Amino acid sequence: MTSENYLNHPTFGLLYRICIVEENQELFTTLYAQRVFFLVSYNAEGLLFQPVTRADARLTIDTRIRLLRRNGQILESQELQSTMQKNFPG
């Protein structure tokens, strides 16, 4: 079971975490519109919000799904696939 994670962006308000991308980096989207995406990196100095296009966000999620499947994390990949279908229908 996954937990929901949120961040507060200084301009765009509440962001919802879609997935972990790699260590210290996660993909977030705006909570209500889910049209603006950010790669959020964090370290001892704080958070870095990097806006990404919708196409790049989709590619990032697809890459993460493939990595999870390769690592045998089938349940996590299925959950992320469901999340992808909600954010990128069709």
Protein backbone atom coordinates (compact mmCIF):
# COMPACT_ATOMS: atom_id res chain seq x y z
CA MET A 1 0.00 0.00 0.00
CA THR A 2 1.38 3.39 -0.94
CA SER A 3 0.97 6.59 1.00
CA GLU A 4 0.08 9.90 -0.55
CA ASN A 5 2.67 12.65 -0.40
CA TYR A 6 2.19 16.35 -0.91
CA LEU A 7 4.44 19.40 -1.16
CA ASN A 8 3.63 23.07 -1.11
CA HIS A 9 5.04 24.95 -4.11
CA PRO A 10 5.58 28.69 -3.55
CA THR A 11 3.67 29.64 -6.73
CA PHE A 12 1.49 26.67 -7.73
CA GLY A 13 0.29 25.64 -4.28
CA LEU A 14 -0.24 22.04 -3.28
CA LEU A 15 1.56 19.41 -5.37
CA TYR A 16 0.80 15.68 -5.37
CA ARG A 17 3.59 13.10 -5.70
CA ILE A 18 3.17 10.80 -8.68
CA CYS A 19 6.29 8.71 -8.15
CA ILE A 20 9.85 8.47 -6.95
CA VAL A 21 12.20 8.91 -9.90
CA GLU A 22 15.51 8.14 -8.25
CA GLU A 23 17.21 8.74 -4.94
CA ASN A 24 16.41 12.29 -3.78
CA GLN A 25 14.20 13.02 -6.80
CA GLU A 26 10.44 12.69 -7.22
CA LEU A 27 7.84 13.63 -9.84
CA PHE A 28 4.99 15.86 -8.66
CA THR A 29 1.96 17.44 -10.34
CA THR A 30 -0.37 20.22 -9.31
CA LEU A 31 -3.09 18.75 -7.13
CA TYR A 32 -6.20 20.02 -8.84
CA ALA A 33 -5.43 20.56 -12.51
CA GLN A 34 -2.73 17.88 -12.81
CA ARG A 35 -1.41 19.71 -15.85
CA VAL A 36 1.84 21.18 -14.50
CA PHE A 37 4.62 18.76 -13.58
CA PHE A 38 7.78 19.18 -11.54
CA LEU A 39 10.83 17.08 -10.85
CA VAL A 40 11.58 17.85 -7.23
CA SER A 41 15.10 17.24 -6.00
CA TYR A 42 16.09 17.60 -2.40
CA ASN A 43 19.32 17.78 -0.44
CA ALA A 44 20.67 19.39 2.72
CA GLU A 45 20.22 22.84 1.17
CA GLY A 46 16.50 22.37 0.46
CA LEU A 47 14.13 21.63 -2.41
CA LEU A 48 14.66 22.34 -6.10
CA PHE A 49 11.55 22.50 -8.31
CA GLN A 50 12.29 21.83 -11.97
CA PRO A 51 9.25 22.19 -14.28
CA VAL A 52 8.93 19.49 -16.93
CA THR A 53 6.65 19.15 -19.92
CA ARG A 54 3.70 16.78 -19.93
CA ALA A 55 5.55 14.58 -22.45
CA ASP A 56 8.66 14.44 -20.25
CA ALA A 57 6.56 13.61 -17.19
CA ARG A 58 4.92 10.75 -19.09
CA LEU A 59 8.30 9.46 -20.25
CA THR A 60 9.64 9.68 -16.68
CA ILE A 61 6.73 7.60 -15.36
CA ASP A 62 7.07 5.06 -18.17
CA THR A 63 10.79 4.70 -17.45
CA ARG A 64 10.08 4.18 -13.76
CA ILE A 65 7.45 1.50 -14.54
CA ARG A 66 9.97 -0.39 -16.69
CA LEU A 67 12.59 -0.19 -13.93
CA LEU A 68 10.14 -1.51 -11.33
CA ARG A 69 9.19 -4.43 -13.58
CA ARG A 70 12.84 -5.26 -14.24
CA ASN A 71 13.46 -5.29 -10.50
CA GLY A 72 10.51 -7.62 -9.90
CA GLN A 73 8.42 -4.99 -8.13
CA ILE A 74 5.23 -6.00 -9.92
CA LEU A 75 2.73 -4.53 -7.44
CA GLU A 76 4.48 -1.15 -7.43
CA SER A 77 4.64 -1.12 -11.24
CA GLN A 78 0.91 -1.93 -11.48
CA GLU A 79 0.06 0.87 -9.04
CA LEU A 80 2.17 3.33 -11.01
CA GLN A 81 0.60 2.13 -14.28
CA SER A 82 -2.82 2.91 -12.80
CA THR A 83 -1.61 6.35 -11.74
CA MET A 84 -0.26 6.93 -15.25
CA GLN A 85 -3.60 6.04 -16.82
CA LYS A 86 -5.36 8.54 -14.54
CA ASN A 87 -2.92 11.35 -15.39
CA PHE A 88 -2.51 10.51 -19.08
CA PRO A 89 -5.76 8.98 -20.35
CA GLY A 90 -5.87 7.62 -23.86
